[in-house]
């Protein structure tokens, strides 16, 4: 046995270190995915006897208007949430300077990332308050009417997304700040000698070196947009009249809320959400693989 270990130590050691993490990933991530797929084929309240319905839950989704509202809102989240990436890059470029007081600015921009999403939701709910919220006080001071953002079907989803963009921009900023610290200064100096300035320097020299940070920011932002739940729960509870629901929140309502503990139907919504996530993640991975092969 000792001879086998000595002969294969370098090959086996990494697997021994990875084994606990791989085991946890299999038990708490992979296994629940297959369990959710299985539950989605049943009509089940979580406690009683399961009744097999096959694809019945998925067929019911086709005629469910609330499902399409949730799906539409998820797509809006996905498109607008991506604004956090260029915003985070812009803030990172601003903070990547050696000027007086820059640490204070970094702390202020970093602050949204460390506070709870619940706190963010409460802060923006107060900010949007139509009677004494800061936003509407400013609007009325400029002669405009107050806008009940969280009570209006037209604005509610966009108001919640704006709240989510605040901490998400801070997260992207941290990724880009880390990436900027690893930028090759010799390439920057060479580009300056070639008279590269401003946007040309950013586009042709800095951004290519920030591809790993951009990839992580894209994946995390897309996943965050598709699984958005906590801000909606805190700020509107899906209202008004279900207009701010997203798939994750609608899944929770069906499985655990007043709809009657429809675990199978909730699991079907979760499977649809998982498949949408996988489409984007696989697309990003393929693009990254092609870029690596070209590089």
Protein backbone atom coordinates (compact mmCIF):
# COMPACT_ATOMS: atom_id res chain seq x y z
CA UNK A 1 0.00 0.00 0.00
CA UNK A 2 2.83 2.39 0.87
CA UNK A 3 4.50 1.62 -2.41
CA UNK A 4 1.28 2.34 -4.32
CA UNK A 5 0.86 5.68 -2.47
CA UNK A 6 4.46 6.75 -3.16
CA UNK A 7 4.12 5.86 -6.83
CA UNK A 8 0.82 7.74 -7.29
CA UNK A 9 1.05 10.46 -4.64
CA UNK A 10 1.10 13.42 -7.02
CA UNK A 11 -1.83 12.00 -9.03
CA UNK A 12 -4.02 11.08 -6.04
CA UNK A 13 -3.33 14.00 -3.67
CA UNK A 14 -5.44 16.56 -5.62
CA UNK A 15 -8.41 14.17 -5.63
CA UNK A 16 -8.16 13.65 -1.89
CA UNK A 17 -8.28 17.40 -1.31
CA UNK A 18 -11.18 17.78 -3.76
CA UNK A 19 -13.18 14.82 -2.41
CA UNK A 20 -14.98 16.65 0.48
CA UNK A 21 -16.03 19.52 -1.78
CA UNK A 22 -17.13 17.18 -4.58
CA UNK A 23 -19.13 15.10 -2.09
CA UNK A 24 -20.90 18.19 -0.71
CA UNK A 25 -21.61 19.39 -4.26
CA UNK A 26 -23.12 16.02 -5.23
CA UNK A 27 -25.27 15.79 -2.08
CA UNK A 28 -26.48 19.39 -1.85
CA UNK A 29 -26.55 20.50 -5.53
CA UNK A 30 -26.68 17.61 -8.01
CA UNK A 31 -28.95 15.30 -6.00
CA UNK A 32 -31.61 18.01 -5.33
CA UNK A 33 -31.70 18.84 -9.05
CA UNK A 34 -32.67 15.26 -9.93
CA UNK A 35 -35.04 15.15 -6.95
CA UNK A 36 -36.80 18.29 -8.21
CA UNK A 37 -37.16 16.78 -11.68
CA UNK A 38 -38.68 13.67 -10.09
CA UNK A 39 -41.10 15.63 -7.88
CA UNK A 40 -42.24 17.72 -10.89
CA UNK A 41 -43.84 14.56 -12.32
CA UNK A 42 -46.18 14.19 -9.33
CA UNK A 43 -49.13 15.96 -7.75
CA UNK A 44 -47.95 16.20 -4.13
CA UNK A 45 -48.61 18.47 -1.16
CA UNK A 46 -45.31 17.65 0.57
CA UNK A 47 -46.79 15.37 3.22
CA UNK A 48 -49.44 13.10 1.76
CA UNK A 49 -49.30 10.44 -0.90
CA UNK A 50 -47.78 11.29 -4.26
CA UNK A 51 -49.96 10.97 -7.38
CA UNK A 52 -48.08 10.48 -10.63
CA UNK A 53 -49.22 12.93 -13.33
CA UNK A 54 -46.30 12.68 -15.76
CA UNK A 55 -45.96 15.90 -17.73
CA UNK A 56 -49.26 17.22 -16.38
CA UNK A 57 -47.62 19.98 -14.37
CA UNK A 58 -45.68 21.18 -17.41
CA UNK A 59 -48.82 21.10 -19.59
CA UNK A 60 -50.62 23.20 -16.98
CA UNK A 61 -47.82 25.78 -17.19
CA UNK A 62 -48.64 26.38 -20.86
CA UNK A 63 -52.04 27.86 -19.93
CA UNK A 64 -50.88 29.65 -16.76
CA UNK A 65 -50.94 33.44 -17.24
CA UNK A 66 -49.07 34.00 -13.96
CA UNK A 67 -46.25 31.79 -15.29
CA UNK A 68 -45.90 33.93 -18.43
CA UNK A 69 -45.94 37.11 -16.33
CA UNK A 70 -43.15 35.67 -14.19
CA UNK A 71 -41.20 34.58 -17.27
CA UNK A 72 -41.56 38.03 -18.87
CA UNK A 73 -40.35 39.71 -15.67
CA UNK A 74 -37.37 37.33 -15.54
CA UNK A 75 -36.40 38.36 -19.07
CA UNK A 76 -36.65 42.04 -18.07
CA UNK A 77 -34.48 41.29 -15.04
CA UNK A 78 -31.97 39.50 -17.23
CA UNK A 79 -31.61 42.34 -19.74
CA UNK A 80 -31.49 45.24 -17.28
CA UNK A 81 -29.42 43.44 -14.63
CA UNK A 82 -26.56 43.20 -17.13
CA UNK A 83 -26.16 46.97 -16.74
CA UNK A 84 -24.33 46.15 -13.50
CA UNK A 85 -21.33 44.92 -15.53
CA UNK A 86 -20.45 48.15 -17.41
CA UNK A 87 -21.43 50.17 -14.33
CA UNK A 88 -19.11 48.07 -12.16
CA UNK A 89 -16.31 48.48 -14.72
CA UNK A 90 -16.79 52.26 -14.79
CA UNK A 91 -16.67 52.49 -10.99
CA UNK A 92 -13.61 50.21 -10.86
CA UNK A 93 -11.77 52.36 -13.39
CA UNK A 94 -12.64 55.44 -11.32
CA UNK A 95 -11.42 53.83 -8.10
CA UNK A 96 -8.25 52.39 -9.65
CA UNK A 97 -6.37 55.63 -9.07
CA UNK A 98 -3.85 56.86 -6.56
CA UNK A 99 -5.46 60.08 -5.41
CA UNK A 100 -6.08 61.51 -1.98
CA UNK A 101 -9.06 59.97 -0.17
CA UNK A 102 -9.53 57.09 -2.64
CA UNK A 103 -9.86 54.57 0.22
CA UNK A 104 -12.91 56.42 1.51
CA UNK A 105 -14.51 56.27 -1.94
CA UNK A 106 -13.72 52.56 -2.19
CA UNK A 107 -15.38 51.94 1.17
CA UNK A 108 -18.51 53.83 0.09
CA UNK A 109 -18.82 51.91 -3.17
CA UNK A 110 -18.03 48.60 -1.42
CA UNK A 111 -20.72 49.18 1.25
CA UNK A 112 -23.74 47.91 -0.79
CA UNK A 113 -22.04 44.54 -1.31
CA UNK A 114 -21.72 43.74 2.40
CA UNK A 115 -25.23 44.66 3.53
CA UNK A 116 -28.09 42.17 3.40
CA UNK A 117 -30.51 42.09 0.48
CA UNK A 118 -33.29 42.46 3.04
CA UNK A 119 -31.80 45.77 4.18
CA UNK A 120 -31.43 46.89 0.55
CA UNK A 121 -35.09 46.05 -0.08
CA UNK A 122 -36.28 47.96 2.97
CA UNK A 123 -34.13 50.98 2.11
CA UNK A 124 -35.50 51.22 -1.42
CA UNK A 125 -39.06 50.59 -0.25
CA UNK A 126 -38.68 53.67 1.99
CA UNK A 127 -36.96 55.54 -0.85
CA UNK A 128 -39.95 54.86 -3.17
CA UNK A 129 -42.60 55.67 -0.53
CA UNK A 130 -45.17 57.90 -2.30
CA UNK A 131 -45.88 60.05 0.78
CA UNK A 132 -42.49 60.76 2.35
CA UNK A 133 -39.94 58.82 0.30
CA UNK A 134 -36.82 60.68 -0.78
CA UNK A 135 -37.44 60.08 -4.49
CA UNK A 136 -40.96 61.53 -4.43
CA UNK A 137 -39.95 64.42 -2.20
CA UNK A 138 -37.38 65.35 -4.85
CA UNK A 139 -39.93 64.93 -7.66
CA UNK A 140 -42.50 67.12 -5.93
CA UNK A 141 -39.84 69.74 -5.18
CA UNK A 142 -39.21 69.94 -8.95
CA UNK A 143 -42.94 70.30 -9.65
CA UNK A 144 -43.72 66.69 -10.66
CA UNK A 145 -46.38 64.41 -9.21
CA UNK A 146 -45.41 61.63 -6.81
CA UNK A 147 -44.98 58.20 -8.43
CA UNK A 148 -46.11 55.16 -6.39
CA UNK A 149 -43.40 52.96 -7.91
CA UNK A 150 -44.13 49.78 -5.93
CA UNK A 151 -47.91 50.11 -6.33
CA UNK A 152 -47.93 50.66 -10.09
CA UNK A 153 -47.82 47.64 -12.43
CA UNK A 154 -45.94 49.71 -15.01
CA UNK A 155 -43.01 50.70 -12.79
CA UNK A 156 -42.79 48.06 -10.05
CA UNK A 157 -40.47 45.59 -11.78
CA UNK A 158 -38.10 48.35 -12.88
CA UNK A 159 -38.07 49.81 -9.36
CA UNK A 160 -37.06 46.47 -7.85
CA UNK A 161 -34.39 45.94 -10.52
CA UNK A 162 -32.93 49.36 -9.70
CA UNK A 163 -32.67 48.25 -6.08
CA UNK A 164 -30.91 45.04 -7.13
CA UNK A 165 -28.47 46.86 -9.39
CA UNK A 166 -27.02 48.77 -6.44
CA UNK A 167 -25.33 45.79 -4.68
CA UNK A 168 -24.74 43.93 -7.97
CA UNK A 169 -22.76 46.86 -9.36
CA UNK A 170 -20.64 46.81 -6.21
CA UNK A 171 -19.95 43.09 -6.73
CA UNK A 172 -18.89 43.63 -10.37
CA UNK A 173 -16.75 46.55 -9.23
CA UNK A 174 -14.85 44.26 -6.83
CA UNK A 175 -14.24 41.72 -9.62
CA UNK A 176 -12.90 44.39 -11.96
CA UNK A 177 -10.75 46.02 -9.28
CA UNK A 178 -9.13 42.63 -8.69
CA UNK A 179 -8.63 42.22 -12.43
CA UNK A 180 -7.15 45.70 -12.83
CA UNK A 181 -4.51 44.88 -10.23
CA UNK A 182 -3.33 42.05 -12.50
CA UNK A 183 -3.18 44.13 -15.71
CA UNK A 184 0.26 44.04 -17.30
CA UNK A 185 1.75 47.53 -16.85
CA UNK A 186 4.31 46.90 -19.56
CA UNK A 187 1.52 46.52 -22.13
CA UNK A 188 0.00 49.81 -20.97
CA UNK A 189 3.33 51.59 -21.30
CA UNK A 190 3.87 50.10 -24.75
CA UNK A 191 0.39 51.24 -25.81
CA UNK A 192 1.11 54.76 -24.56
CA UNK A 193 4.26 54.84 -26.66
CA UNK A 194 2.05 53.93 -29.63
CA UNK A 195 -0.14 56.93 -28.75
CA UNK A 196 -3.06 54.84 -27.45
CA UNK A 197 -5.26 56.92 -25.15
CA UNK A 198 -8.71 56.87 -23.58
CA UNK A 199 -11.20 54.52 -25.22
CA UNK A 200 -8.59 52.88 -27.49
CA UNK A 201 -6.46 52.02 -24.44
CA UNK A 202 -9.51 50.58 -22.66
CA UNK A 203 -10.84 48.60 -25.62
CA UNK A 204 -7.62 47.17 -27.08
CA UNK A 205 -5.32 46.85 -24.04
CA UNK A 206 -7.21 46.73 -20.74
CA UNK A 207 -10.48 44.92 -21.57
CA UNK A 208 -8.77 41.90 -23.22
CA UNK A 209 -6.86 41.38 -19.97
CA UNK A 210 -10.11 41.63 -17.98
CA UNK A 211 -11.82 38.73 -19.79
CA UNK A 212 -11.73 36.38 -16.77
CA UNK A 213 -13.33 39.04 -14.55
CA UNK A 214 -15.91 39.81 -17.24
CA UNK A 215 -16.78 36.14 -17.61
CA UNK A 216 -17.33 35.70 -13.86
CA UNK A 217 -19.33 38.93 -13.71
CA UNK A 218 -21.55 37.76 -16.59
CA UNK A 219 -22.24 34.33 -15.09
CA UNK A 220 -22.92 35.64 -11.59
CA UNK A 221 -25.10 38.49 -12.86
CA UNK A 222 -27.18 36.22 -15.11
CA UNK A 223 -27.70 33.70 -12.30
CA UNK A 224 -28.57 36.53 -9.90
CA UNK A 225 -31.13 37.93 -12.34
CA UNK A 226 -32.79 34.57 -12.96
CA UNK A 227 -33.01 33.53 -9.31
CA UNK A 228 -34.10 36.93 -7.98
CA UNK A 229 -36.39 36.38 -5.01
CA UNK A 230 -35.51 38.20 -1.79
CA UNK A 231 -35.96 41.78 -3.03
CA UNK A 232 -39.36 40.93 -4.51
CA UNK A 233 -40.44 39.19 -1.32
CA UNK A 234 -39.39 42.15 0.85
CA UNK A 235 -40.51 45.03 -1.36
CA UNK A 236 -43.79 43.86 -2.93
CA UNK A 237 -44.48 40.20 -2.05
CA UNK A 238 -45.17 39.70 -5.76
CA UNK A 239 -47.68 42.57 -6.02
CA UNK A 240 -49.43 44.58 -7.06
CA UNK A 241 -51.76 41.79 -8.26
CA UNK A 242 -48.85 39.49 -9.03
CA UNK A 243 -47.30 41.90 -11.56
CA UNK A 244 -43.79 41.78 -10.04
CA UNK A 245 -43.53 37.99 -9.76
CA UNK A 246 -40.54 36.18 -11.20
CA UNK A 247 -40.15 32.43 -11.65
CA UNK A 248 -38.30 31.88 -8.36
CA UNK A 249 -40.96 33.77 -6.40
CA UNK A 250 -43.83 32.08 -8.26
CA UNK A 251 -42.24 28.70 -7.51
CA UNK A 252 -42.18 29.60 -3.81
CA UNK A 253 -45.82 30.75 -3.91
CA UNK A 254 -46.98 27.50 -5.50
CA UNK A 255 -44.91 25.18 -3.32
CA UNK A 256 -45.10 26.83 0.12
CA UNK A 257 -47.69 29.61 0.09
CA UNK A 258 -51.46 29.95 0.18
CA UNK A 259 -51.89 28.15 -3.15
CA UNK A 260 -52.14 24.82 -1.37
CA UNK A 261 -48.59 23.45 -1.11
CA UNK A 262 -48.37 22.26 -4.72
CA UNK A 263 -44.88 20.79 -4.51
CA UNK A 264 -45.04 19.13 -7.91
CA UNK A 265 -46.15 22.28 -9.71
CA UNK A 266 -43.54 24.36 -7.87
CA UNK A 267 -40.87 21.81 -8.83
CA UNK A 268 -41.94 22.06 -12.50
CA UNK A 269 -41.41 25.85 -12.36
CA UNK A 270 -38.02 25.24 -10.74
CA UNK A 271 -37.03 22.84 -13.53
CA UNK A 272 -37.98 25.41 -16.20
CA UNK A 273 -35.90 28.04 -14.38
CA UNK A 274 -32.97 25.61 -14.13
CA UNK A 275 -33.12 24.89 -17.88
CA UNK A 276 -33.10 28.62 -18.70
CA UNK A 277 -30.05 29.05 -16.45
CA UNK A 278 -28.28 26.13 -18.11
CA UNK A 279 -28.82 27.63 -21.60
CA UNK A 280 -27.02 30.83 -20.60
CA UNK A 281 -24.28 29.12 -18.59
CA UNK A 282 -23.50 26.64 -21.39
CA UNK A 283 -23.42 29.50 -23.91
CA UNK A 284 -20.95 31.42 -21.74
CA UNK A 285 -18.77 28.35 -21.21
CA UNK A 286 -18.67 27.62 -24.95
CA UNK A 287 -17.71 31.21 -25.72
CA UNK A 288 -14.97 31.15 -23.09
CA UNK A 289 -13.65 27.84 -24.47
CA UNK A 290 -13.56 29.25 -28.03
CA UNK A 291 -11.81 32.40 -26.86
CA UNK A 292 -9.21 30.34 -24.99
CA UNK A 293 -8.52 28.22 -28.08
CA UNK A 294 -8.13 31.30 -30.25
CA UNK A 295 -5.80 32.87 -27.66
